[in-house]
N, C-alpha and C. Protein backbone atom coordinates (compact mmCIF):
# COMPACT_ATOMS: atom_id res chain seq x y z
N MET A 1 -8.89 4.49 -12.12
CA MET A 1 -7.93 4.37 -11.05
C MET A 1 -7.89 2.91 -10.60
N ILE A 2 -6.67 2.44 -10.34
CA ILE A 2 -6.46 1.12 -9.76
C ILE A 2 -6.21 1.33 -8.27
N THR A 3 -6.98 0.67 -7.42
CA THR A 3 -6.75 0.75 -5.98
C THR A 3 -6.41 -0.64 -5.46
N ILE A 4 -5.48 -0.67 -4.52
CA ILE A 4 -4.98 -1.93 -4.00
C ILE A 4 -4.86 -1.80 -2.49
N THR A 5 -5.31 -2.81 -1.78
CA THR A 5 -5.13 -2.89 -0.34
C THR A 5 -4.42 -4.20 -0.05
N VAL A 6 -3.33 -4.11 0.72
CA VAL A 6 -2.53 -5.30 1.02
C VAL A 6 -2.36 -5.40 2.53
N LYS A 7 -2.64 -6.58 3.09
CA LYS A 7 -2.38 -6.85 4.50
C LYS A 7 -1.09 -7.65 4.60
N TRP A 8 -0.15 -7.10 5.35
CA TRP A 8 1.14 -7.75 5.58
C TRP A 8 1.19 -8.26 7.01
N ASP A 9 1.31 -9.55 7.20
CA ASP A 9 1.54 -10.15 8.51
C ASP A 9 3.06 -10.25 8.66
N VAL A 10 3.64 -9.36 9.45
CA VAL A 10 5.08 -9.23 9.57
C VAL A 10 5.59 -10.09 10.73
N LYS A 11 6.74 -10.70 10.53
CA LYS A 11 7.35 -11.47 11.61
C LYS A 11 7.59 -10.54 12.80
N PRO A 12 7.32 -11.02 14.01
CA PRO A 12 7.44 -10.16 15.19
C PRO A 12 8.79 -9.45 15.33
N GLU A 13 9.86 -10.11 14.94
CA GLU A 13 11.19 -9.50 15.08
C GLU A 13 11.42 -8.32 14.12
N TYR A 14 10.56 -8.16 13.12
CA TYR A 14 10.68 -7.05 12.17
C TYR A 14 9.59 -6.00 12.34
N ALA A 15 8.59 -6.29 13.16
CA ALA A 15 7.40 -5.44 13.21
C ALA A 15 7.70 -3.99 13.59
N ASP A 16 8.52 -3.77 14.58
CA ASP A 16 8.77 -2.40 15.01
C ASP A 16 9.62 -1.60 14.03
N ASP A 17 10.39 -2.28 13.20
CA ASP A 17 11.27 -1.60 12.23
C ASP A 17 10.74 -1.66 10.80
N TYR A 18 9.52 -2.17 10.64
CA TYR A 18 9.02 -2.44 9.28
C TYR A 18 8.94 -1.20 8.40
N MET A 19 8.55 -0.08 8.96
CA MET A 19 8.45 1.13 8.13
C MET A 19 9.82 1.55 7.62
N GLU A 20 10.83 1.41 8.42
CA GLU A 20 12.18 1.73 7.97
C GLU A 20 12.66 0.70 6.94
N LEU A 21 12.34 -0.55 7.15
CA LEU A 21 12.74 -1.61 6.22
C LEU A 21 12.10 -1.44 4.84
N THR A 22 10.94 -0.80 4.78
CA THR A 22 10.24 -0.61 3.51
C THR A 22 10.37 0.83 2.98
N ARG A 23 11.15 1.66 3.65
CA ARG A 23 11.25 3.08 3.28
C ARG A 23 11.70 3.30 1.83
N GLU A 24 12.74 2.63 1.40
CA GLU A 24 13.26 2.82 0.04
C GLU A 24 12.18 2.49 -1.00
N PHE A 25 11.51 1.36 -0.81
CA PHE A 25 10.44 0.95 -1.71
C PHE A 25 9.29 1.96 -1.69
N THR A 26 8.91 2.38 -0.50
CA THR A 26 7.81 3.34 -0.35
C THR A 26 8.13 4.65 -1.04
N GLU A 27 9.30 5.20 -0.80
CA GLU A 27 9.68 6.48 -1.41
C GLU A 27 9.78 6.38 -2.93
N ALA A 28 10.34 5.28 -3.43
CA ALA A 28 10.44 5.10 -4.89
C ALA A 28 9.06 4.98 -5.52
N THR A 29 8.16 4.27 -4.86
CA THR A 29 6.81 4.12 -5.40
C THR A 29 6.07 5.45 -5.39
N ARG A 30 6.16 6.18 -4.30
CA ARG A 30 5.49 7.48 -4.21
C ARG A 30 6.01 8.46 -5.26
N ALA A 31 7.23 8.27 -5.72
CA ALA A 31 7.81 9.15 -6.74
C ALA A 31 7.38 8.79 -8.16
N GLU A 32 6.72 7.66 -8.34
CA GLU A 32 6.25 7.27 -9.67
C GLU A 32 5.20 8.27 -10.16
N PRO A 33 5.27 8.69 -11.42
CA PRO A 33 4.31 9.67 -11.91
C PRO A 33 2.86 9.21 -11.85
N GLY A 34 2.60 7.92 -11.94
CA GLY A 34 1.23 7.42 -11.93
C GLY A 34 0.71 7.04 -10.55
N CYS A 35 1.54 7.20 -9.51
CA CYS A 35 1.11 6.84 -8.15
C CYS A 35 0.28 7.98 -7.58
N LEU A 36 -0.93 7.67 -7.16
CA LEU A 36 -1.80 8.66 -6.53
C LEU A 36 -1.58 8.69 -5.02
N TRP A 37 -1.43 7.53 -4.39
CA TRP A 37 -1.05 7.45 -2.99
C TRP A 37 -0.52 6.06 -2.69
N PHE A 38 0.26 5.97 -1.63
CA PHE A 38 0.90 4.74 -1.20
C PHE A 38 1.09 4.89 0.30
N ASP A 39 0.08 4.46 1.09
CA ASP A 39 0.01 4.77 2.51
C ASP A 39 -0.03 3.51 3.37
N TRP A 40 0.87 3.46 4.33
CA TRP A 40 0.95 2.35 5.28
C TRP A 40 0.23 2.71 6.58
N SER A 41 -0.38 1.72 7.21
CA SER A 41 -0.94 1.85 8.55
C SER A 41 -0.61 0.58 9.32
N ARG A 42 -0.49 0.75 10.63
CA ARG A 42 -0.27 -0.41 11.49
C ARG A 42 -1.56 -0.72 12.21
N SER A 43 -1.90 -1.98 12.27
CA SER A 43 -3.14 -2.40 12.92
C SER A 43 -3.13 -2.05 14.40
N VAL A 44 -4.25 -1.57 14.90
CA VAL A 44 -4.39 -1.31 16.33
C VAL A 44 -4.71 -2.60 17.09
N ASP A 45 -5.13 -3.65 16.40
CA ASP A 45 -5.48 -4.92 17.03
C ASP A 45 -4.33 -5.94 16.99
N ASN A 46 -3.48 -5.83 15.99
CA ASN A 46 -2.39 -6.79 15.82
C ASN A 46 -1.11 -6.01 15.48
N PRO A 47 -0.19 -5.86 16.41
CA PRO A 47 1.00 -5.04 16.15
C PRO A 47 1.92 -5.61 15.08
N ASN A 48 1.68 -6.83 14.64
CA ASN A 48 2.49 -7.42 13.57
C ASN A 48 1.84 -7.27 12.20
N GLU A 49 0.70 -6.61 12.13
CA GLU A 49 0.00 -6.45 10.86
C GLU A 49 0.08 -5.01 10.37
N TYR A 50 0.48 -4.87 9.13
CA TYR A 50 0.50 -3.57 8.45
C TYR A 50 -0.45 -3.65 7.27
N VAL A 51 -1.10 -2.54 6.99
CA VAL A 51 -2.02 -2.46 5.86
C VAL A 51 -1.50 -1.37 4.92
N LEU A 52 -1.37 -1.72 3.67
CA LEU A 52 -0.92 -0.79 2.63
C LEU A 52 -2.11 -0.46 1.74
N VAL A 53 -2.42 0.82 1.62
CA VAL A 53 -3.48 1.28 0.72
C VAL A 53 -2.78 2.09 -0.37
N GLU A 54 -2.91 1.63 -1.59
CA GLU A 54 -2.22 2.29 -2.70
C GLU A 54 -3.18 2.50 -3.87
N ALA A 55 -2.87 3.50 -4.68
CA ALA A 55 -3.68 3.77 -5.86
C ALA A 55 -2.79 4.30 -6.97
N PHE A 56 -3.15 3.93 -8.18
CA PHE A 56 -2.43 4.36 -9.37
C PHE A 56 -3.42 4.93 -10.37
N ARG A 57 -2.99 5.87 -11.14
CA ARG A 57 -3.81 6.62 -12.09
C ARG A 57 -4.68 5.71 -12.95
N ASP A 58 -4.09 4.63 -13.47
CA ASP A 58 -4.81 3.71 -14.36
C ASP A 58 -4.03 2.41 -14.45
N GLY A 59 -4.53 1.51 -15.27
CA GLY A 59 -3.87 0.22 -15.44
C GLY A 59 -2.45 0.33 -15.96
N ALA A 60 -2.22 1.28 -16.84
CA ALA A 60 -0.87 1.47 -17.37
C ALA A 60 0.09 1.88 -16.25
N ALA A 61 -0.35 2.78 -15.38
CA ALA A 61 0.49 3.21 -14.25
C ALA A 61 0.73 2.04 -13.29
N GLY A 62 -0.29 1.23 -13.07
CA GLY A 62 -0.12 0.05 -12.23
C GLY A 62 0.88 -0.92 -12.85
N GLY A 63 0.81 -1.07 -14.17
CA GLY A 63 1.77 -1.91 -14.88
C GLY A 63 3.19 -1.39 -14.78
N GLU A 64 3.34 -0.08 -14.89
CA GLU A 64 4.67 0.52 -14.72
C GLU A 64 5.20 0.22 -13.32
N HIS A 65 4.32 0.30 -12.34
CA HIS A 65 4.74 0.03 -10.97
C HIS A 65 5.26 -1.40 -10.82
N VAL A 66 4.48 -2.39 -11.23
CA VAL A 66 4.90 -3.78 -11.04
C VAL A 66 6.08 -4.18 -11.91
N ASN A 67 6.37 -3.39 -12.93
CA ASN A 67 7.54 -3.66 -13.78
C ASN A 67 8.75 -2.82 -13.40
N SER A 68 8.62 -2.00 -12.37
CA SER A 68 9.74 -1.15 -11.95
C SER A 68 10.80 -1.98 -11.23
N GLU A 69 12.01 -1.47 -11.25
CA GLU A 69 13.10 -2.16 -10.56
C GLU A 69 12.88 -2.19 -9.05
N HIS A 70 12.34 -1.09 -8.48
CA HIS A 70 12.14 -1.09 -7.03
C HIS A 70 11.05 -2.07 -6.60
N PHE A 71 10.03 -2.28 -7.44
CA PHE A 71 9.01 -3.28 -7.14
C PHE A 71 9.63 -4.68 -7.19
N LYS A 72 10.37 -4.95 -8.25
CA LYS A 72 10.99 -6.28 -8.40
C LYS A 72 11.94 -6.56 -7.24
N LYS A 73 12.71 -5.56 -6.84
CA LYS A 73 13.63 -5.73 -5.71
C LYS A 73 12.86 -6.01 -4.42
N ALA A 74 11.79 -5.24 -4.18
CA ALA A 74 10.99 -5.43 -2.97
C ALA A 74 10.36 -6.82 -2.94
N MET A 75 9.83 -7.28 -4.07
CA MET A 75 9.19 -8.59 -4.10
C MET A 75 10.21 -9.70 -3.91
N ALA A 76 11.46 -9.47 -4.29
CA ALA A 76 12.50 -10.47 -4.13
C ALA A 76 13.07 -10.49 -2.72
N THR A 77 12.92 -9.39 -1.97
CA THR A 77 13.56 -9.30 -0.65
C THR A 77 12.60 -9.17 0.52
N HIS A 78 11.43 -8.59 0.36
CA HIS A 78 10.55 -8.32 1.49
C HIS A 78 9.83 -9.55 2.03
N GLY A 79 9.89 -10.63 1.31
CA GLY A 79 9.34 -11.88 1.83
C GLY A 79 10.04 -12.32 3.10
N GLU A 80 11.27 -11.88 3.28
CA GLU A 80 12.04 -12.18 4.49
C GLU A 80 11.32 -11.68 5.74
N TYR A 81 10.58 -10.57 5.61
CA TYR A 81 9.90 -9.96 6.75
C TYR A 81 8.50 -10.51 6.99
N ALA A 82 7.96 -11.23 6.03
CA ALA A 82 6.56 -11.68 6.09
C ALA A 82 6.42 -12.99 6.86
N ALA A 83 5.46 -13.02 7.77
CA ALA A 83 5.14 -14.25 8.50
C ALA A 83 4.28 -15.18 7.65
N SER A 84 3.55 -14.60 6.70
CA SER A 84 2.72 -15.36 5.77
C SER A 84 2.61 -14.55 4.48
N ARG A 85 2.11 -15.18 3.44
CA ARG A 85 1.95 -14.47 2.16
C ARG A 85 0.94 -13.34 2.34
N PRO A 86 1.30 -12.11 1.95
CA PRO A 86 0.36 -10.99 2.09
C PRO A 86 -0.95 -11.24 1.35
N LYS A 87 -2.02 -10.69 1.91
CA LYS A 87 -3.37 -10.78 1.31
C LYS A 87 -3.65 -9.47 0.58
N ILE A 88 -4.32 -9.57 -0.57
CA ILE A 88 -4.51 -8.39 -1.42
C ILE A 88 -5.93 -8.30 -1.96
N ILE A 89 -6.41 -7.08 -2.06
CA ILE A 89 -7.64 -6.76 -2.79
C ILE A 89 -7.24 -5.70 -3.81
N SER A 90 -7.59 -5.91 -5.06
CA SER A 90 -7.24 -4.97 -6.12
C SER A 90 -8.44 -4.79 -7.03
N TYR A 91 -8.73 -3.53 -7.36
CA TYR A 91 -9.84 -3.28 -8.26
C TYR A 91 -9.65 -1.97 -8.99
N GLU A 92 -10.33 -1.85 -10.11
CA GLU A 92 -10.29 -0.64 -10.92
C GLU A 92 -11.64 0.06 -10.79
N ILE A 93 -11.59 1.35 -10.52
CA ILE A 93 -12.83 2.11 -10.36
C ILE A 93 -12.76 3.39 -11.19
N PRO A 94 -13.89 3.89 -11.64
CA PRO A 94 -13.92 5.07 -12.51
C PRO A 94 -13.88 6.39 -11.73
N GLN A 95 -12.78 6.65 -11.06
CA GLN A 95 -12.59 7.93 -10.37
C GLN A 95 -11.10 8.18 -10.26
N ASP A 96 -10.71 9.35 -9.78
CA ASP A 96 -9.29 9.64 -9.69
C ASP A 96 -8.89 10.26 -8.35
N GLU A 97 -9.77 10.16 -7.36
CA GLU A 97 -9.50 10.74 -6.04
C GLU A 97 -10.41 10.06 -5.04
N TRP A 98 -10.18 10.30 -3.75
CA TRP A 98 -11.06 9.80 -2.70
C TRP A 98 -12.44 10.43 -2.85
N SER A 99 -13.47 9.66 -2.56
CA SER A 99 -14.83 10.18 -2.48
C SER A 99 -15.12 10.49 -1.02
N GLU A 100 -16.06 11.38 -0.79
CA GLU A 100 -16.47 11.69 0.58
C GLU A 100 -17.48 10.66 1.07
N LEU A 101 -17.45 10.38 2.37
CA LEU A 101 -18.41 9.48 3.00
C LEU A 101 -19.68 10.27 3.25
N GLY A 102 -20.65 10.16 2.36
CA GLY A 102 -21.86 10.94 2.42
C GLY A 102 -22.77 10.61 3.59
N GLU A 103 -22.68 9.41 4.12
CA GLU A 103 -23.56 8.98 5.20
C GLU A 103 -23.23 9.62 6.55
N LEU A 104 -22.01 10.12 6.71
CA LEU A 104 -21.61 10.70 7.99
C LEU A 104 -22.30 12.02 8.21
N GLN A 105 -22.95 12.16 9.36
CA GLN A 105 -23.63 13.39 9.71
C GLN A 105 -22.60 14.37 10.27
N MET A 106 -22.44 15.52 9.63
CA MET A 106 -21.47 16.54 10.05
C MET A 106 -22.22 17.70 10.71
N PRO A 107 -21.67 18.27 11.77
CA PRO A 107 -22.32 19.43 12.40
C PRO A 107 -22.26 20.63 11.47
N GLU A 108 -23.25 21.48 11.59
CA GLU A 108 -23.29 22.71 10.79
C GLU A 108 -22.14 23.62 11.24
N ALA A 109 -21.50 24.26 10.32
CA ALA A 109 -20.37 25.14 10.67
C ALA A 109 -20.85 26.51 11.11
């Protein structure tokens, strides 16, 4: 699985509408057969920062994503909304789903 985390510093004038501005790209990406998840969150500390957590089945699926028309369109147009170049962490790991946080103590049911 390829997992990617991207921090987007959005210009203040676009921050409140950012999810709508990225809706087409988000929906198209989520519809890709190799997309495992594509989830946005807004920072609780900085209202202009959005974090995208995405995962793809494997490197081939990630390649299909970056070569898709919707990705190319988003990369050509979404820079308009960015206050700075987005920061990214990307890595490949040998799993295909979320792992559980084993350290968390859970009450007995």
